[in-house]
PDB file of N, CA and C in Angstrom:
ATOM      1  N   MET A   1      96.415   2.222  88.919  1.00  0.00           N
ATOM      2  CA  MET A   1      95.514   1.532  88.017  1.00  0.00           C
ATOM      3  C   MET A   1      96.343   0.632  87.114  1.00  0.00           C
ATOM      4  N   PRO A   2      95.892  -0.593  86.904  1.00  0.00           N
ATOM      5  CA  PRO A   2      96.621  -1.490  86.013  1.00  0.00           C
ATOM      6  C   PRO A   2      96.673  -0.947  84.580  1.00  0.00           C
ATOM      7  N   ALA A   3      97.807  -1.201  83.934  1.00  0.00           N
ATOM      8  CA  ALA A   3      98.019  -0.725  82.563  1.00  0.00           C
ATOM      9  C   ALA A   3      96.944  -1.246  81.613  1.00  0.00           C
ATOM     10  N   ARG A   4      96.501  -2.471  81.817  1.00  0.00           N
ATOM     11  CA  ARG A   4      95.475  -3.054  80.939  1.00  0.00           C
ATOM     12  C   ARG A   4      94.195  -2.216  80.971  1.00  0.00           C
ATOM     13  N   ASP A   5      93.760  -1.834  82.166  1.00  0.00           N
ATOM     14  CA  ASP A   5      92.555  -1.007  82.302  1.00  0.00           C
ATOM     15  C   ASP A   5      92.747   0.328  81.596  1.00  0.00           C
ATOM     16  N   ARG A   6      93.905   0.949  81.834  1.00  0.00           N
ATOM     17  CA  ARG A   6      94.189   2.245  81.216  1.00  0.00           C
ATOM     18  C   ARG A   6      94.148   2.152  79.692  1.00  0.00           C
ATOM     19  N   GLU A   7      94.809   1.150  79.136  1.00  0.00           N
ATOM     20  CA  GLU A   7      94.894   1.044  77.679  1.00  0.00           C
ATOM     21  C   GLU A   7      93.552   0.674  77.046  1.00  0.00           C
ATOM     22  N   LEU A   8      92.779  -0.166  77.700  1.00  0.00           N
ATOM     23  CA  LEU A   8      91.428  -0.453  77.185  1.00  0.00           C
ATOM     24  C   LEU A   8      90.603   0.825  77.113  1.00  0.00           C
ATOM     25  N   ALA A   9      90.686   1.624  78.157  1.00  0.00           N
ATOM     26  CA  ALA A   9      89.924   2.875  78.185  1.00  0.00           C
ATOM     27  C   ALA A   9      90.395   3.825  77.084  1.00  0.00           C
ATOM     28  N   ILE A  10      91.699   3.953  76.913  1.00  0.00           N
ATOM     29  CA  ILE A  10      92.235   4.857  75.890  1.00  0.00           C
ATOM     30  C   ILE A  10      91.824   4.401  74.500  1.00  0.00           C
ATOM     31  N   LEU A  11      91.935   3.105  74.225  1.00  0.00           N
ATOM     32  CA  LEU A  11      91.516   2.598  72.910  1.00  0.00           C
ATOM     33  C   LEU A  11      90.040   2.883  72.662  1.00  0.00           C
ATOM     34  N   GLN A  12      89.217   2.691  73.678  1.00  0.00           N
ATOM     35  CA  GLN A  12      87.785   2.921  73.504  1.00  0.00           C
ATOM     36  C   GLN A  12      87.478   4.390  73.249  1.00  0.00           C
ATOM     37  N   VAL A  13      88.133   5.270  73.978  1.00  0.00           N
ATOM     38  CA  VAL A  13      87.946   6.705  73.755  1.00  0.00           C
ATOM     39  C   VAL A  13      88.358   7.062  72.331  1.00  0.00           C
ATOM     40  N   ALA A  14      89.479   6.543  71.882  1.00  0.00           N
ATOM     41  CA  ALA A  14      89.959   6.836  70.526  1.00  0.00           C
ATOM     42  C   ALA A  14      88.958   6.386  69.471  1.00  0.00           C
ATOM     43  N   VAL A  15      88.395   5.203  69.648  1.00  0.00           N
ATOM     44  CA  VAL A  15      87.395   4.706  68.682  1.00  0.00           C
ATOM     45  C   VAL A  15      86.167   5.601  68.683  1.00  0.00           C
ATOM     46  N   LEU A  16      85.652   5.902  69.859  1.00  0.00           N
ATOM     47  CA  LEU A  16      84.426   6.692  69.950  1.00  0.00           C
ATOM     48  C   LEU A  16      84.605   8.103  69.393  1.00  0.00           C
ATOM     49  N   ASN A  17      85.806   8.656  69.547  1.00  0.00           N
ATOM     50  CA  ASN A  17      86.068  10.009  69.059  1.00  0.00           C
ATOM     51  C   ASN A  17      86.650  10.027  67.653  1.00  0.00           C
ATOM     52  N   ARG A  18      86.657   8.875  67.010  1.00  0.00           N
ATOM     53  CA  ARG A  18      87.167   8.749  65.636  1.00  0.00           C
ATOM     54  C   ARG A  18      88.561   9.355  65.527  1.00  0.00           C
ATOM     55  N   ALA A  19      89.437   8.858  66.419  1.00  0.00           N
ATOM     56  CA  ALA A  19      90.813   9.342  66.500  1.00  0.00           C
ATOM     57  C   ALA A  19      91.775   8.181  66.216  1.00  0.00           C
ATOM     58  N   PRO A  20      91.928   7.822  64.934  1.00  0.00           N
ATOM     59  CA  PRO A  20      92.744   6.649  64.594  1.00  0.00           C
ATOM     60  C   PRO A  20      94.212   6.771  64.990  1.00  0.00           C
ATOM     61  N   TYR A  21      94.769   7.974  64.939  1.00  0.00           N
ATOM     62  CA  TYR A  21      96.168   8.142  65.328  1.00  0.00           C
ATOM     63  C   TYR A  21      96.357   7.761  66.795  1.00  0.00           C
ATOM     64  N   GLU A  22      95.480   8.251  67.656  1.00  0.00           N
ATOM     65  CA  GLU A  22      95.550   7.913  69.083  1.00  0.00           C
ATOM     66  C   GLU A  22      95.419   6.406  69.269  1.00  0.00           C
ATOM     67  N   PHE A  23      94.476   5.800  68.564  1.00  0.00           N
ATOM     68  CA  PHE A  23      94.267   4.353  68.661  1.00  0.00           C
ATOM     69  C   PHE A  23      95.543   3.607  68.289  1.00  0.00           C
ATOM     70  N   GLU A  24      96.093   3.915  67.138  1.00  0.00           N
ATOM     71  CA  GLU A  24      97.280   3.210  66.645  1.00  0.00           C
ATOM     72  C   GLU A  24      98.474   3.394  67.570  1.00  0.00           C
ATOM     73  N   GLN A  25      98.631   4.571  68.132  1.00  0.00           N
ATOM     74  CA  GLN A  25      99.758   4.835  69.028  1.00  0.00           C
ATOM     75  C   GLN A  25      99.679   4.002  70.303  1.00  0.00           C
ATOM     76  N   HIS A  26      98.479   3.611  70.699  1.00  0.00           N
ATOM     77  CA  HIS A  26      98.310   2.870  71.956  1.00  0.00           C
ATOM     78  C   HIS A  26      98.237   1.366  71.783  1.00  0.00           C
ATOM     79  N   ILE A  27      98.221   0.880  70.561  1.00  0.00           N
ATOM     80  CA  ILE A  27      98.191  -0.575  70.360  1.00  0.00           C
ATOM     81  C   ILE A  27      99.392  -1.266  71.011  1.00  0.00           C
ATOM     82  N   PRO A  28     100.631  -0.790  70.813  1.00  0.00           N
ATOM     83  CA  PRO A  28     101.751  -1.482  71.466  1.00  0.00           C
ATOM     84  C   PRO A  28     101.640  -1.511  72.992  1.00  0.00           C
ATOM     85  N   PHE A  29     101.173  -0.418  73.577  1.00  0.00           N
ATOM     86  CA  PHE A  29     101.002  -0.376  75.031  1.00  0.00           C
ATOM     87  C   PHE A  29      99.911  -1.349  75.477  1.00  0.00           C
ATOM     88  N   ALA A  30      98.839  -1.415  74.695  1.00  0.00           N
ATOM     89  CA  ALA A  30      97.745  -2.337  75.015  1.00  0.00           C
ATOM     90  C   ALA A  30      98.227  -3.785  74.933  1.00  0.00           C
ATOM     91  N   ARG A  31      98.958  -4.106  73.883  1.00  0.00           N
ATOM     92  CA  ARG A  31      99.502  -5.473  73.753  1.00  0.00           C
ATOM     93  C   ARG A  31     100.421  -5.803  74.922  1.00  0.00           C
ATOM     94  N   ASP A  32     101.301  -4.859  75.278  1.00  0.00           N
ATOM     95  CA  ASP A  32     102.208  -5.078  76.407  1.00  0.00           C
ATOM     96  C   ASP A  32     101.453  -5.290  77.715  1.00  0.00           C
ATOM     97  N   ALA A  33     100.271  -4.697  77.811  1.00  0.00           N
ATOM     98  CA  ALA A  33      99.449  -4.818  79.022  1.00  0.00           C
ATOM     99  C   ALA A  33      98.565  -6.068  78.997  1.00  0.00           C
ATOM    100  N   GLY A  34      98.634  -6.838  77.901  1.00  0.00           N
ATOM    101  CA  GLY A  34      97.889  -8.091  77.844  1.00  0.00           C
ATOM    102  C   GLY A  34      96.565  -8.037  77.110  1.00  0.00           C
ATOM    103  N   VAL A  35      96.253  -6.930  76.464  1.00  0.00           N
ATOM    104  CA  VAL A  35      95.033  -6.857  75.656  1.00  0.00           C
ATOM    105  C   VAL A  35      95.275  -7.706  74.418  1.00  0.00           C
ATOM    106  N   THR A  36      94.343  -8.563  74.095  1.00  0.00           N
ATOM    107  CA  THR A  36      94.541  -9.499  72.985  1.00  0.00           C
ATOM    108  C   THR A  36      94.335  -8.822  71.633  1.00  0.00           C
ATOM    109  N   GLY A  37      94.911  -9.436  70.623  1.00  0.00           N
ATOM    110  CA  GLY A  37      94.701  -8.956  69.255  1.00  0.00           C
ATOM    111  C   GLY A  37      93.236  -8.968  68.878  1.00  0.00           C
ATOM    112  N   ALA A  38      92.507  -9.996  69.318  1.00  0.00           N
ATOM    113  CA  ALA A  38      91.066 -10.077  69.018  1.00  0.00           C
ATOM    114  C   ALA A  38      90.319  -8.919  69.670  1.00  0.00           C
ATOM    115  N   GLN A  39      90.691  -8.578  70.892  1.00  0.00           N
ATOM    116  CA  GLN A  39      90.047  -7.444  71.558  1.00  0.00           C
ATOM    117  C   GLN A  39      90.348  -6.149  70.816  1.00  0.00           C
ATOM    118  N   ILE A  40      91.601  -5.963  70.431  1.00  0.00           N
ATOM    119  CA  ILE A  40      91.993  -4.737  69.738  1.00  0.00           C
ATOM    120  C   ILE A  40      91.251  -4.604  68.416  1.00  0.00           C
ATOM    121  N   GLU A  41      91.190  -5.672  67.658  1.00  0.00           N
ATOM    122  CA  GLU A  41      90.513  -5.609  66.356  1.00  0.00           C
ATOM    123  C   GLU A  41      89.007  -5.407  66.511  1.00  0.00           C
ATOM    124  N   ALA A  42      88.417  -6.026  67.517  1.00  0.00           N
ATOM    125  CA  ALA A  42      86.983  -5.809  67.774  1.00  0.00           C
ATOM    126  C   ALA A  42      86.744  -4.345  68.136  1.00  0.00           C
ATOM    127  N   MET A  43      87.584  -3.802  69.008  1.00  0.00           N
ATOM    128  CA  MET A  43      87.420  -2.404  69.412  1.00  0.00           C
ATOM    129  C   MET A  43      87.599  -1.475  68.215  1.00  0.00           C
ATOM    130  N   ARG A  44      88.583  -1.769  67.377  1.00  0.00           N
ATOM    131  CA  ARG A  44      88.804  -0.948  66.186  1.00  0.00           C
ATOM    132  C   ARG A  44      87.534  -0.898  65.333  1.00  0.00           C
ATOM    133  N   GLY A  45      86.788  -1.996  65.299  1.00  0.00           N
ATOM    134  CA  GLY A  45      85.544  -2.073  64.533  1.00  0.00           C
ATOM    135  C   GLY A  45      84.316  -1.609  65.300  1.00  0.00           C
ATOM    136  N   GLY A  46      84.519  -1.057  66.496  1.00  0.00           N
ATOM    137  CA  GLY A  46      83.393  -0.552  67.274  1.00  0.00           C
ATOM    138  C   GLY A  46      82.612  -1.647  67.989  1.00  0.00           C
ATOM    139  N   ARG A  47      83.259  -2.795  68.192  1.00  0.00           N
ATOM    140  CA  ARG A  47      82.603  -3.924  68.857  1.00  0.00           C
ATOM    141  C   ARG A  47      83.398  -4.314  70.099  1.00  0.00           C
ATOM    142  N   THR A  48      82.847  -5.238  70.855  1.00  0.00           N
ATOM    143  CA  THR A  48      83.569  -5.837  71.968  1.00  0.00           C
ATOM    144  C   THR A  48      83.705  -7.317  71.670  1.00  0.00           C
ATOM    145  N   ASP A  49      84.925  -7.835  71.755  1.00  0.00           N
ATOM    146  CA  ASP A  49      85.172  -9.257  71.528  1.00  0.00           C
ATOM    147  C   ASP A  49      84.306 -10.063  72.501  1.00  0.00           C
ATOM    148  N   PRO A  50      83.614 -11.098  72.005  1.00  0.00           N
ATOM    149  CA  PRO A  50      82.739 -11.874  72.899  1.00  0.00           C
ATOM    150  C   PRO A  50      83.485 -12.558  74.044  1.00  0.00           C
ATOM    151  N   ASP A  51      84.784 -12.765  73.900  1.00  0.00           N
ATOM    152  CA  ASP A  51      85.570 -13.400  74.960  1.00  0.00           C
ATOM    153  C   ASP A  51      86.159 -12.394  75.948  1.00  0.00           C
ATOM    154  N   THR A  52      85.740 -11.141  75.862  1.00  0.00           N
ATOM    155  CA  THR A  52      86.251 -10.113  76.761  1.00  0.00           C
ATOM    156  C   THR A  52      85.833 -10.421  78.193  1.00  0.00           C
ATOM    157  N   PRO A  53      86.798 -10.455  79.103  1.00  0.00           N
ATOM    158  CA  PRO A  53      86.465 -10.719  80.509  1.00  0.00           C
ATOM    159  C   PRO A  53      85.572  -9.623  81.093  1.00  0.00           C
ATOM    160  N   PRO A  54      84.782  -9.965  82.125  1.00  0.00           N
ATOM    161  CA  PRO A  54      83.862  -8.993  82.732  1.00  0.00           C
ATOM    162  C   PRO A  54      84.543  -7.707  83.218  1.00  0.00           C
ATOM    163  N   ARG A  55      85.736  -7.809  83.770  1.00  0.00           N
ATOM    164  CA  ARG A  55      86.435  -6.601  84.228  1.00  0.00           C
ATOM    165  C   ARG A  55      86.732  -5.685  83.045  1.00  0.00           C
ATOM    166  N   ASP A  56      87.252  -6.256  81.967  1.00  0.00           N
ATOM    167  CA  ASP A  56      87.554  -5.458  80.774  1.00  0.00           C
ATOM    168  C   ASP A  56      86.289  -4.816  80.227  1.00  0.00           C
ATOM    169  N   ARG A  57      85.213  -5.585  80.193  1.00  0.00           N
ATOM    170  CA  ARG A  57      83.944  -5.065  79.686  1.00  0.00           C
ATOM    171  C   ARG A  57      83.458  -3.901  80.550  1.00  0.00           C
ATOM    172  N   ALA A  58      83.620  -4.011  81.862  1.00  0.00           N
ATOM    173  CA  ALA A  58      83.194  -2.934  82.756  1.00  0.00           C
ATOM    174  C   ALA A  58      84.004  -1.659  82.501  1.00  0.00           C
ATOM    175  N   VAL A  59      85.306  -1.809  82.266  1.00  0.00           N
ATOM    176  CA  VAL A  59      86.163  -0.654  81.968  1.00  0.00           C
ATOM    177  C   VAL A  59      85.747  -0.022  80.643  1.00  0.00           C
ATOM    178  N   ILE A  60      85.537  -0.844  79.630  1.00  0.00           N
ATOM    179  CA  ILE A  60      85.133  -0.348  78.310  1.00  0.00           C
ATOM    180  C   ILE A  60      83.780   0.343  78.386  1.00  0.00           C
ATOM    181  N   ASP A  61      82.841  -0.260  79.099  1.00  0.00           N
ATOM    182  CA  ASP A  61      81.507   0.342  79.229  1.00  0.00           C
ATOM    183  C   ASP A  61      81.564   1.683  79.962  1.00  0.00           C
ATOM    184  N   TYR A  62      82.438   1.778  80.963  1.00  0.00           N
ATOM    185  CA  TYR A  62      82.590   3.031  81.702  1.00  0.00           C
ATOM    186  C   TYR A  62      83.168   4.117  80.793  1.00  0.00           C
ATOM    187  N   ALA A  63      84.220   3.770  80.045  1.00  0.00           N
ATOM    188  CA  ALA A  63      84.809   4.731  79.104  1.00  0.00           C
ATOM    189  C   ALA A  63      83.788   5.161  78.056  1.00  0.00           C
ATOM    190  N   THR A  64      82.966   4.237  77.616  1.00  0.00           N
ATOM    191  CA  THR A  64      81.927   4.544  76.627  1.00  0.00           C
ATOM    192  C   THR A  64      80.911   5.519  77.203  1.00  0.00           C
ATOM    193  N   ALA A  65      80.435   5.239  78.396  1.00  0.00           N
ATOM    194  CA  ALA A  65      79.427   6.109  79.018  1.00  0.00           C
ATOM    195  C   ALA A  65      79.983   7.508  79.254  1.00  0.00           C
ATOM    196  N   MET A  66      81.203   7.587  79.781  1.00  0.00           N
ATOM    197  CA  MET A  66      81.801   8.911  80.023  1.00  0.00           C
ATOM    198  C   MET A  66      81.980   9.693  78.728  1.00  0.00           C
ATOM    199  N   THR A  67      82.380   9.011  77.671  1.00  0.00           N
ATOM    200  CA  THR A  67      82.678   9.683  76.412  1.00  0.00           C
ATOM    201  C   THR A  67      81.416  10.083  75.666  1.00  0.00           C
ATOM    202  N   ARG A  68      80.465   9.193  75.608  1.00  0.00           N
ATOM    203  CA  ARG A  68      79.243   9.469  74.840  1.00  0.00           C
ATOM    204  C   ARG A  68      78.246  10.324  75.598  1.00  0.00           C
ATOM    205  N   ASP A  69      78.027   9.985  76.862  1.00  0.00           N
ATOM    206  CA  ASP A  69      76.913  10.578  77.606  1.00  0.00           C
ATOM    207  C   ASP A  69      77.352  11.496  78.745  1.00  0.00           C
ATOM    208  N   ILE A  70      78.598  11.485  79.089  1.00  0.00           N
ATOM    209  CA  ILE A  70      79.203  12.239  80.180  1.00  0.00           C
ATOM    210  C   ILE A  70      78.760  11.688  81.545  1.00  0.00           C
ATOM    211  N   GLN A  71      77.478  11.677  81.839  1.00  0.00           N
ATOM    212  CA  GLN A  71      77.005  11.076  83.085  1.00  0.00           C
ATOM    213  C   GLN A  71      76.991   9.550  82.912  1.00  0.00           C
ATOM    214  N   VAL A  72      77.471   8.858  83.932  1.00  0.00           N
ATOM    215  CA  VAL A  72      77.566   7.403  83.892  1.00  0.00           C
ATOM    216  C   VAL A  72      76.337   6.805  84.576  1.00  0.00           C
ATOM    217  N   PRO A  73      75.585   5.963  83.864  1.00  0.00           N
ATOM    218  CA  PRO A  73      74.420   5.328  84.484  1.00  0.00           C
ATOM    219  C   PRO A  73      74.822   4.481  85.695  1.00  0.00           C
ATOM    220  N   ASP A  74      73.920   4.395  86.660  1.00  0.00           N
ATOM    221  CA  ASP A  74      74.192   3.646  87.883  1.00  0.00           C
ATOM    222  C   ASP A  74      74.618   2.212  87.594  1.00  0.00           C
ATOM    223  N   GLY A  75      73.980   1.552  86.651  1.00  0.00           N
ATOM    224  CA  GLY A  75      74.315   0.157  86.349  1.00  0.00           C
ATOM    225  C   GLY A  75      75.737  -0.006  85.841  1.00  0.00           C
ATOM    226  N   VAL A  76      76.190   0.926  85.031  1.00  0.00           N
ATOM    227  CA  VAL A  76      77.566   0.890  84.508  1.00  0.00           C
ATOM    228  C   VAL A  76      78.555   1.117  85.651  1.00  0.00           C
ATOM    229  N   PHE A  77      78.242   2.073  86.513  1.00  0.00           N
ATOM    230  CA  PHE A  77      79.117   2.370  87.648  1.00  0.00           C
ATOM    231  C   PHE A  77      79.178   1.188  88.609  1.00  0.00           C
ATOM    232  N   GLU A  78      78.040   0.583  88.882  1.00  0.00           N
ATOM    233  CA  GLU A  78      78.015  -0.560  89.798  1.00  0.00           C
ATOM    234  C   GLU A  78      78.790  -1.741  89.238  1.00  0.00           C
ATOM    235  N   ALA A  79      78.689  -1.974  87.943  1.00  0.00           N
ATOM    236  CA  ALA A  79      79.459  -3.063  87.324  1.00  0.00           C
ATOM    237  C   ALA A  79      80.955  -2.803  87.484  1.00  0.00           C
ATOM    238  N   LEU A  80      81.380  -1.566  87.337  1.00  0.00           N
ATOM    239  CA  LEU A  80      82.793  -1.231  87.480  1.00  0.00           C
ATOM    240  C   LEU A  80      83.258  -1.414  88.923  1.00  0.00           C
ATOM    241  N   ARG A  81      82.424  -1.029  89.877  1.00  0.00           N
ATOM    242  CA  ARG A  81      82.781  -1.146  91.299  1.00  0.00           C
ATOM    243  C   ARG A  81      82.996  -2.585  91.732  1.00  0.00           C
ATOM    244  N   LYS A  82      82.463  -3.537  91.006  1.00  0.00           N
ATOM    245  CA  LYS A  82      82.692  -4.954  91.323  1.00  0.00           C
ATOM    246  C   LYS A  82      84.137  -5.363  91.051  1.00  0.00           C
ATOM    247  N   HIS A  83      84.828  -4.595  90.225  1.00  0.00           N
ATOM    248  CA  HIS A  83      86.166  -4.976  89.784  1.00  0.00           C
ATOM    249  C   HIS A  83      87.270  -4.025  90.217  1.00  0.00           C
ATOM    250  N   LEU A  84      86.948  -2.764  90.461  1.00  0.00           N
ATOM    251  CA  LEU A  84      87.973  -1.770  90.784  1.00  0.00           C
ATOM    252  C   LEU A  84      87.670  -1.093  92.110  1.00  0.00           C
ATOM    253  N   PRO A  85      88.715  -0.883  92.920  1.00  0.00           N
ATOM    254  CA  PRO A  85      88.528  -0.105  94.148  1.00  0.00           C
ATOM    255  C   PRO A  85      88.363   1.377  93.803  1.00  0.00           C
ATOM    256  N   ALA A  86      87.920   2.138  94.772  1.00  0.00           N
ATOM    257  CA  ALA A  86      87.596   3.554  94.554  1.00  0.00           C
ATOM    258  C   ALA A  86      88.766   4.346  93.975  1.00  0.00           C
ATOM    259  N   ASP A  87      89.987   4.116  94.469  1.00  0.00           N
ATOM    260  CA  ASP A  87      91.113   4.903  93.965  1.00  0.00           C
ATOM    261  C   ASP A  87      91.393   4.620  92.494  1.00  0.00           C
ATOM    262  N   GLN A  88      91.200   3.378  92.064  1.00  0.00           N
ATOM    263  CA  GLN A  88      91.401   3.045  90.651  1.00  0.00           C
ATOM    264  C   GLN A  88      90.273   3.598  89.780  1.00  0.00           C
ATOM    265  N   ILE A  89      89.082   3.692  90.322  1.00  0.00           N
ATOM    266  CA  ILE A  89      87.977   4.314  89.573  1.00  0.00           C
ATOM    267  C   ILE A  89      88.282   5.796  89.353  1.00  0.00           C
ATOM    268  N   VAL A  90      88.836   6.444  90.359  1.00  0.00           N
ATOM    269  CA  VAL A  90      89.218   7.858  90.202  1.00  0.00           C
ATOM    270  C   VAL A  90      90.284   7.986  89.110  1.00  0.00           C
ATOM    271  N   GLU A  91      91.300   7.117  89.130  1.00  0.00           N
ATOM    272  CA  GLU A  91      92.347   7.156  88.100  1.00  0.00           C
ATOM    273  C   GLU A  91      91.776   6.871  86.716  1.00  0.00           C
ATOM    274  N   LEU A  92      90.881   5.905  86.630  1.00  0.00           N
ATOM    275  CA  LEU A  92      90.251   5.581  85.345  1.00  0.00           C
ATOM    276  C   LEU A  92      89.442   6.776  84.843  1.00  0.00           C
ATOM    277  N   THR A  93      88.718   7.416  85.723  1.00  0.00           N
ATOM    278  CA  THR A  93      87.918   8.586  85.352  1.00  0.00           C
ATOM    279  C   THR A  93      88.808   9.701  84.822  1.00  0.00           C
ATOM    280  N   ALA A  94      89.919   9.952  85.494  1.00  0.00           N
ATOM    281  CA  ALA A  94      90.858  10.984  85.030  1.00  0.00           C
ATOM    282  C   ALA A  94      91.464  10.598  83.686  1.00  0.00           C
ATOM    283  N   THR A  95      91.767   9.335  83.505  1.00  0.00           N
ATOM    284  CA  THR A  95      92.333   8.864  82.235  1.00  0.00           C
ATOM    285  C   THR A  95      91.347   9.055  81.096  1.00  0.00           C
ATOM    286  N   VAL A  96      90.115   8.649  81.297  1.00  0.00           N
ATOM    287  CA  VAL A  96      89.094   8.800  80.253  1.00  0.00           C
ATOM    288  C   VAL A  96      88.902  10.283  79.930  1.00  0.00           C
ATOM    289  N   ALA A  97      88.806  11.107  80.950  1.00  0.00           N
ATOM    290  CA  ALA A  97      88.630  12.544  80.721  1.00  0.00           C
ATOM    291  C   ALA A  97      89.827  13.122  79.966  1.00  0.00           C
ATOM    292  N   GLY A  98      91.028  12.762  80.390  1.00  0.00           N
ATOM    293  CA  GLY A  98      92.228  13.288  79.753  1.00  0.00           C
ATOM    294  C   GLY A  98      92.365  12.854  78.307  1.00  0.00           C
ATOM    295  N   TYR A  99      92.088  11.596  78.035  1.00  0.00           N
ATOM    296  CA  TYR A  99      92.237  11.114  76.661  1.00  0.00           C
ATOM    297  C   TYR A  99      91.093  11.570  75.761  1.00  0.00           C
ATOM    298  N   ASN A 100      89.969  11.934  76.331  1.00  0.00           N
ATOM    299  CA  ASN A 100      88.938  12.603  75.521  1.00  0.00           C
ATOM    300  C   ASN A 100      89.484  13.936  75.038  1.00  0.00           C
ATOM    301  N   MET A 101      90.173  14.642  75.916  1.00  0.00           N
ATOM    302  CA  MET A 101      90.784  15.909  75.522  1.00  0.00           C
ATOM    303  C   MET A 101      91.848  15.674  74.456  1.00  0.00           C
ATOM    304  N   VAL A 102      92.710  14.680  74.663  1.00  0.00           N
ATOM    305  CA  VAL A 102      93.788  14.412  73.710  1.00  0.00           C
ATOM    306  C   VAL A 102      93.221  14.081  72.333  1.00  0.00           C
ATOM    307  N   SER A 103      92.267  13.178  72.272  1.00  0.00           N
ATOM    308  CA  SER A 103      91.735  12.779  70.963  1.00  0.00           C
ATOM    309  C   SER A 103      91.011  13.928  70.278  1.00  0.00           C
ATOM    310  N   ARG A 104      90.316  14.730  71.023  1.00  0.00           N
ATOM    311  CA  ARG A 104      89.608  15.863  70.426  1.00  0.00           C
ATOM    312  C   ARG A 104      90.594  16.929  69.946  1.00  0.00           C
ATOM    313  N   PHE A 105      91.670  17.106  70.679  1.00  0.00           N
ATOM    314  CA  PHE A 105      92.727  18.032  70.276  1.00  0.00           C
ATOM    315  C   PHE A 105      93.362  17.549  68.967  1.00  0.00           C
ATOM    316  N   LEU A 106      93.756  16.271  68.937  1.00  0.00           N
ATOM    317  CA  LEU A 106      94.383  15.705  67.736  1.00  0.00           C
ATOM    318  C   LEU A 106      93.470  15.806  66.520  1.00  0.00           C
ATOM    319  N   GLU A 107      92.213  15.486  66.703  1.00  0.00           N
ATOM    320  CA  GLU A 107      91.285  15.486  65.568  1.00  0.00           C
ATOM    321  C   GLU A 107      90.937  16.905  65.119  1.00  0.00           C
ATOM    322  N   ALA A 108      90.803  17.829  66.050  1.00  0.00           N
ATOM    323  CA  ALA A 108      90.508  19.213  65.667  1.00  0.00           C
ATOM    324  C   ALA A 108      91.630  19.793  64.820  1.00  0.00           C
ATOM    325  N   LEU A 109      92.881  19.420  65.133  1.00  0.00           N
ATOM    326  CA  LEU A 109      94.031  19.926  64.386  1.00  0.00           C
ATOM    327  C   LEU A 109      94.468  18.985  63.262  1.00  0.00           C
ATOM    328  N   GLU A 110      93.692  17.929  63.069  1.00  0.00           N
ATOM    329  CA  GLU A 110      93.957  16.936  62.017  1.00  0.00           C
ATOM    330  C   GLU A 110      95.370  16.376  62.095  1.00  0.00           C
ATOM    331  N   ILE A 111      95.765  16.016  63.315  1.00  0.00           N
ATOM    332  CA  ILE A 111      97.060  15.377  63.521  1.00  0.00           C
ATOM    333  C   ILE A 111      96.853  13.878  63.404  1.00  0.00           C
ATOM    334  N   HIS A 112      97.398  13.306  62.337  1.00  0.00           N
ATOM    335  CA  HIS A 112      97.193  11.891  62.066  1.00  0.00           C
ATOM    336  C   HIS A 112      98.498  11.132  61.873  1.00  0.00           C
ATOM    337  N   GLU A 113      99.624  11.801  62.100  1.00  0.00           N
ATOM    338  CA  GLU A 113     100.919  11.133  61.996  1.00  0.00           C
ATOM    339  C   GLU A 113     101.919  11.910  62.833  1.00  0.00           C
ATOM    340  N   GLU A 114     103.088  11.286  63.035  1.00  0.00           N
ATOM    341  CA  GLU A 114     104.136  11.957  63.772  1.00  0.00           C
ATOM    342  C   GLU A 114     104.561  13.220  63.047  1.00  0.00           C
ATOM    343  N   PRO A 115     104.768  14.307  63.754  1.00  0.00           N
ATOM    344  CA  PRO A 115     105.234  15.527  63.091  1.00  0.00           C
ATOM    345  C   PRO A 115     106.640  15.323  62.527  1.00  0.00           C
ATOM    346  N   SER A 116     106.942  15.987  61.439  1.00  0.00           N
ATOM    347  CA  SER A 116     108.284  15.937  60.854  1.00  0.00           C
ATOM    348  C   SER A 116     109.256  16.667  61.758  1.00  0.00           C
ATOM    349  N   ARG A 117     110.447  16.139  61.828  1.00  0.00           N
ATOM    350  CA  ARG A 117     111.483  16.788  62.637  1.00  0.00           C
ATOM    351  C   ARG A 117     112.544  17.336  61.708  1.00  0.00           C
ATOM    352  N   PRO A 118     113.013  18.542  62.026  1.00  0.00           N
ATOM    353  CA  PRO A 118     114.049  19.144  61.163  1.00  0.00           C
ATOM    354  C   PRO A 118     115.353  18.397  61.211  1.00  0.00           C
TER     355      PRO A 118
END
């Protein structure tokens, strides 16, 4: 799966789960993968940048559906299938599921910064 798809999904999961630490930690990776500053700032505010390409929007919508509703509506899935082959959809699904766990773990334990090292 392309890094851009992965990072868009992770940022969206972090926003939806109110996990700012996870979001901030992934900004450099998202930038390196080509996600624009406008996209990042829109996502941080719970929006989608109007200039977001259709592929990015499909990835974000899929991450949103998985995170909020668990079951993905047919229309969201079909939009994603226009842009990603089956193996990448499986990887994206695992990424969204995994980062839902990560953000919920971080927030349950109130981890909002790097741990101190002795």
